[in-house]
Amino acid sequence: MANQLKYCTECGKEISSEAVVCPHCGVQLKPLSFGKGKNRFVAALLAFILGGFGIQWFYLGRKMYGILSILFFWTGVPAVISLIHFILLLISSDDSFNAKYN
């Protein structure tokens, strides 16, 4: 497979399309990723165990939902919502989870 070329956004020189950092100027071209992202089973476990406090929302990057859950945890409504969210996380596919949260 031939290595395709592209141009650096900083210096304009031709580089490999797979390059993460430009070898000429050193600018970072792609964000470095250290993992696959969020895991739906971890999110489901957090929703089941700590869902009444909205911890799964913080894990999934939905901070406003997490803050609202903390503010209203005493009503029990976030616990019911987290139970529903737990079930939805378990029955969802990896593709739909990744499209929504990763």
Protein backbone atom coordinates (compact mmCIF):
# COMPACT_ATOMS: atom_id res chain seq x y z
CA MET A 1 0.00 0.00 0.00
CA ALA A 2 1.49 3.31 -1.06
CA ASN A 3 2.00 5.94 1.60
CA GLN A 4 -0.14 8.95 0.75
CA LEU A 5 1.21 12.43 1.26
CA LYS A 6 -0.30 15.58 2.68
CA TYR A 7 0.95 19.02 3.57
CA CYS A 8 1.81 20.33 7.02
CA THR A 9 -0.64 23.01 8.17
CA GLU A 10 2.18 25.00 9.80
CA CYS A 11 5.18 24.92 7.43
CA GLY A 12 3.47 23.66 4.25
CA LYS A 13 6.02 20.92 3.51
CA GLU A 14 5.01 17.52 2.17
CA ILE A 15 4.70 14.84 4.86
CA SER A 16 3.21 11.36 5.30
CA SER A 17 -0.55 11.20 5.82
CA GLU A 18 0.11 8.97 8.85
CA ALA A 19 2.36 11.55 10.56
CA VAL A 20 1.29 12.73 14.00
CA VAL A 21 4.03 15.35 14.25
CA CYS A 22 5.61 17.23 11.33
CA PRO A 23 9.24 16.09 10.98
CA HIS A 24 10.22 19.49 9.59
CA CYS A 25 8.71 21.99 12.04
CA GLY A 26 7.61 19.74 14.94
CA VAL A 27 3.97 20.88 15.09
CA GLN A 28 1.46 18.29 16.35
CA LEU A 29 -0.89 17.37 13.49
CA LYS A 30 -3.24 14.89 15.14
CA PRO A 31 -4.24 14.70 18.76
CA LEU A 32 -2.51 11.83 20.50
CA SER A 33 -4.90 9.13 21.69
CA PHE A 34 -3.99 6.88 24.58
CA GLY A 35 -7.01 4.62 24.62
CA LYS A 36 -10.19 3.71 22.88
CA GLY A 37 -12.29 6.22 24.76
CA LYS A 38 -15.19 5.65 27.06
CA ASN A 39 -16.43 2.15 27.78
CA ARG A 40 -20.16 1.49 27.89
CA PHE A 41 -19.82 -1.24 30.54
CA VAL A 42 -17.96 1.14 32.85
CA ALA A 43 -20.68 3.74 32.25
CA ALA A 44 -23.39 1.14 32.96
CA LEU A 45 -21.66 0.07 36.16
CA LEU A 46 -21.37 3.69 37.30
CA ALA A 47 -25.04 4.26 36.46
CA PHE A 48 -26.06 1.22 38.51
CA ILE A 49 -23.88 1.86 41.57
CA LEU A 50 -23.61 5.67 41.74
CA GLY A 51 -26.31 6.74 39.31
CA GLY A 52 -28.37 8.49 41.97
CA PHE A 53 -25.59 11.07 42.12
CA GLY A 54 -25.13 11.22 38.33
CA ILE A 55 -21.53 9.98 38.32
CA GLN A 56 -22.02 8.22 34.97
CA TRP A 57 -22.81 11.58 33.35
CA PHE A 58 -19.46 13.00 34.42
CA TYR A 59 -17.72 9.92 33.04
CA LEU A 60 -19.57 10.31 29.73
CA GLY A 61 -18.70 14.01 29.48
CA ARG A 62 -22.23 15.30 30.16
CA LYS A 63 -21.34 17.55 33.09
CA MET A 64 -24.60 19.49 33.17
CA TYR A 65 -26.61 16.27 33.61
CA GLY A 66 -24.21 15.29 36.38
CA ILE A 67 -24.61 18.61 38.16
CA LEU A 68 -28.40 18.44 37.90
CA SER A 69 -28.33 14.89 39.26
CA ILE A 70 -26.27 15.99 42.26
CA LEU A 71 -28.58 18.93 42.92
CA PHE A 72 -31.72 16.77 42.82
CA PHE A 73 -30.43 13.44 44.17
CA TRP A 74 -32.58 13.84 47.28
CA THR A 75 -35.75 13.57 45.17
CA GLY A 76 -34.92 10.09 43.87
CA VAL A 77 -35.58 11.14 40.29
CA PRO A 78 -31.90 10.84 39.23
CA ALA A 79 -31.85 7.30 40.66
CA VAL A 80 -34.82 6.29 38.49
CA ILE A 81 -33.27 7.96 35.45
CA SER A 82 -29.96 6.22 36.10
CA LEU A 83 -31.69 2.84 36.32
CA ILE A 84 -33.25 3.46 32.91
CA HIS A 85 -29.90 4.70 31.61
CA PHE A 86 -28.23 1.56 32.99
CA ILE A 87 -30.62 -0.66 31.02
CA LEU A 88 -30.21 1.43 27.86
CA LEU A 89 -26.42 1.25 28.14
CA LEU A 90 -26.53 -2.53 28.46
CA ILE A 91 -28.79 -3.09 25.45
CA SER A 92 -27.16 -0.52 23.17
CA SER A 93 -24.59 -1.58 20.60
CA ASP A 94 -20.97 -0.53 20.74
CA ASP A 95 -21.40 1.42 17.51
CA SER A 96 -24.29 3.49 18.80
CA PHE A 97 -22.49 4.10 22.11
CA ASN A 98 -19.31 5.23 20.33
CA ALA A 99 -21.27 7.49 18.00
CA LYS A 100 -22.92 9.19 20.94
CA TYR A 101 -20.16 9.36 23.58
CA ASN A 102 -16.76 8.85 21.90
